[in-house]
Amino acid sequence: MSASKSEYSICLACDLPYVNPDVIDALFGCAEENNSDAAIPKHPNGILEPLHAIYGRSMADACRDAMGTGEHTIRGAISLLDDVLFVSVESLRRFDPDLRTFLNVNYPEDLGVMA
C-alpha cells in the first residue's frame, strides 16, 4: 500500500473466485465518500470481510505498527486505524444478490458450493 499511487487500495484474498467488480467499485466509493481509512464489509452476524476490503494509505503504517508490537493479524492492524467504515453486506446485494463475491474456496468440498 505504501507503494501504491492511489489513495485507496483493495485487499483481496486469493481464494475468491467470484469477485464482483461492482461490489469493489461500491466499496471504493464508500471509502472515498467518507474519507475513511478503510471500508470493510460486515455481515449481519458481525463477521467481517477484511480480505475483501478497501484500505487507505494509513493501513501500511497500521500494519507496520501492529507487527512491531507482535500483532500479526489484519484485525490487529485494523484496530489501529482511526476511521473504519463497516459496510453492511446487505447494502451490497443490489450489486450481487447472492453475495457470491464473498464465497471463498478453502477445501475441496467448497467446490460443490460453486456450482
Protein backbone atom coordinates (compact mmCIF):
# COMPACT_ATOMS: atom_id res chain seq x y z
CA MET A 1 0.00 0.00 0.00
CA SER A 2 2.83 2.37 0.65
CA ALA A 3 3.97 1.86 -2.96
CA SER A 4 0.51 2.47 -4.39
CA LYS A 5 -0.02 5.65 -6.37
CA SER A 6 -3.65 5.73 -5.29
CA GLU A 7 -5.11 6.91 -2.02
CA TYR A 8 -7.01 3.63 -1.69
CA SER A 9 -6.09 0.04 -2.48
CA ILE A 10 -8.03 -3.18 -2.47
CA CYS A 11 -7.05 -6.15 -0.38
CA LEU A 12 -8.40 -9.44 -1.75
CA ALA A 13 -7.86 -13.00 -0.63
CA CYS A 14 -6.61 -15.38 -3.32
CA ASP A 15 -9.47 -17.84 -2.81
CA LEU A 16 -12.35 -15.66 -4.05
CA PRO A 17 -13.42 -16.98 -7.47
CA TYR A 18 -16.44 -14.69 -7.87
CA VAL A 19 -15.11 -11.25 -7.01
CA ASN A 20 -17.71 -8.81 -8.30
CA PRO A 21 -16.28 -5.59 -9.79
CA ASP A 22 -19.49 -3.69 -8.96
CA VAL A 23 -19.10 -4.59 -5.28
CA ILE A 24 -15.48 -3.46 -5.41
CA ASP A 25 -16.49 -0.16 -7.02
CA ALA A 26 -19.14 0.35 -4.32
CA LEU A 27 -16.58 -0.25 -1.57
CA PHE A 28 -14.15 2.20 -3.15
CA GLY A 29 -17.00 4.72 -3.33
CA CYS A 30 -17.83 4.22 0.35
CA ALA A 31 -14.22 4.75 1.42
CA GLU A 32 -13.78 7.82 -0.76
CA GLU A 33 -17.12 9.46 0.11
CA ASN A 34 -16.49 9.05 3.82
CA ASN A 35 -12.75 9.79 3.68
CA SER A 36 -12.29 6.60 5.71
CA ASP A 37 -9.13 4.69 6.47
CA ALA A 38 -10.94 1.53 5.38
CA ALA A 39 -14.24 0.23 4.02
CA ILE A 40 -14.77 -3.31 5.27
CA PRO A 41 -17.84 -5.43 4.51
CA LYS A 42 -19.68 -6.67 7.59
CA HIS A 43 -22.28 -9.44 7.77
CA PRO A 44 -25.39 -9.13 9.99
CA ASN A 45 -23.86 -11.66 12.41
CA GLY A 46 -20.84 -9.38 12.87
CA ILE A 47 -18.41 -11.34 10.71
CA LEU A 48 -16.06 -9.06 8.80
CA GLU A 49 -14.55 -9.49 5.34
CA PRO A 50 -11.14 -7.84 5.91
CA LEU A 51 -9.64 -9.63 2.90
CA HIS A 52 -12.31 -8.24 0.60
CA ALA A 53 -11.92 -4.63 1.64
CA ILE A 54 -10.61 -1.23 0.66
CA TYR A 55 -7.78 0.36 2.66
CA GLY A 56 -6.27 3.81 2.63
CA ARG A 57 -2.55 4.51 2.78
CA SER A 58 -2.70 4.67 6.57
CA MET A 59 -3.13 0.88 6.60
CA ALA A 60 0.56 0.47 5.66
CA ASP A 61 1.60 2.26 8.85
CA ALA A 62 -1.01 0.37 10.88
CA CYS A 63 0.40 -2.94 9.61
CA ARG A 64 3.96 -1.91 10.47
CA ASP A 65 2.87 -0.70 13.92
CA ALA A 66 0.89 -3.87 14.62
CA MET A 67 3.78 -6.12 13.60
CA GLY A 68 6.13 -4.01 15.72
CA THR A 69 4.10 -4.94 18.78
CA GLY A 70 3.97 -8.62 17.85
CA GLU A 71 0.45 -8.47 16.40
CA HIS A 72 0.48 -10.33 13.09
CA THR A 73 -3.18 -10.25 12.09
CA ILE A 74 -5.03 -7.92 9.78
CA ARG A 75 -7.56 -7.35 12.58
CA GLY A 76 -4.74 -6.09 14.77
CA ALA A 77 -3.78 -3.54 12.13
CA ILE A 78 -7.42 -2.56 11.59
CA SER A 79 -7.76 -1.84 15.30
CA LEU A 80 -5.08 0.85 14.91
CA LEU A 81 -6.94 2.77 12.21
CA ASP A 82 -8.80 5.91 13.22
CA ASP A 83 -11.76 5.83 10.85
CA VAL A 84 -13.02 2.43 9.73
CA LEU A 85 -16.28 2.24 7.82
CA PHE A 86 -18.07 -1.08 8.17
CA VAL A 87 -20.25 -1.59 5.12
CA SER A 88 -23.28 -3.83 5.55
CA VAL A 89 -23.12 -6.72 3.10
CA GLU A 90 -26.88 -6.32 2.77
CA SER A 91 -26.29 -2.95 1.11
CA LEU A 92 -24.11 -4.71 -1.45
CA ARG A 93 -26.82 -7.15 -2.55
CA ARG A 94 -28.02 -4.68 -5.17
CA PHE A 95 -24.75 -5.41 -6.99
CA ASP A 96 -24.53 -9.11 -6.11
CA PRO A 97 -27.89 -10.51 -4.96
CA ASP A 98 -26.42 -13.83 -3.75
CA LEU A 99 -23.26 -12.25 -2.33
CA ARG A 100 -21.16 -14.75 -4.27
CA THR A 101 -18.35 -12.19 -4.23
CA PHE A 102 -17.62 -13.35 -0.65
CA LEU A 103 -17.60 -17.07 -1.44
CA ASN A 104 -14.17 -18.50 -0.75
CA VAL A 105 -12.74 -21.87 -1.62
CA ASN A 106 -10.59 -23.32 1.15
CA TYR A 107 -11.30 -27.04 0.85
CA PRO A 108 -12.19 -29.44 -1.96
CA GLU A 109 -15.74 -29.71 -0.60
CA ASP A 110 -16.15 -25.96 -1.08
CA LEU A 111 -16.03 -26.55 -4.82
CA GLY A 112 -19.51 -28.12 -4.64
CA VAL A 113 -20.89 -24.79 -3.40
CA MET A 114 -19.61 -23.09 -6.53
CA ALA A 115 -21.85 -24.99 -8.94
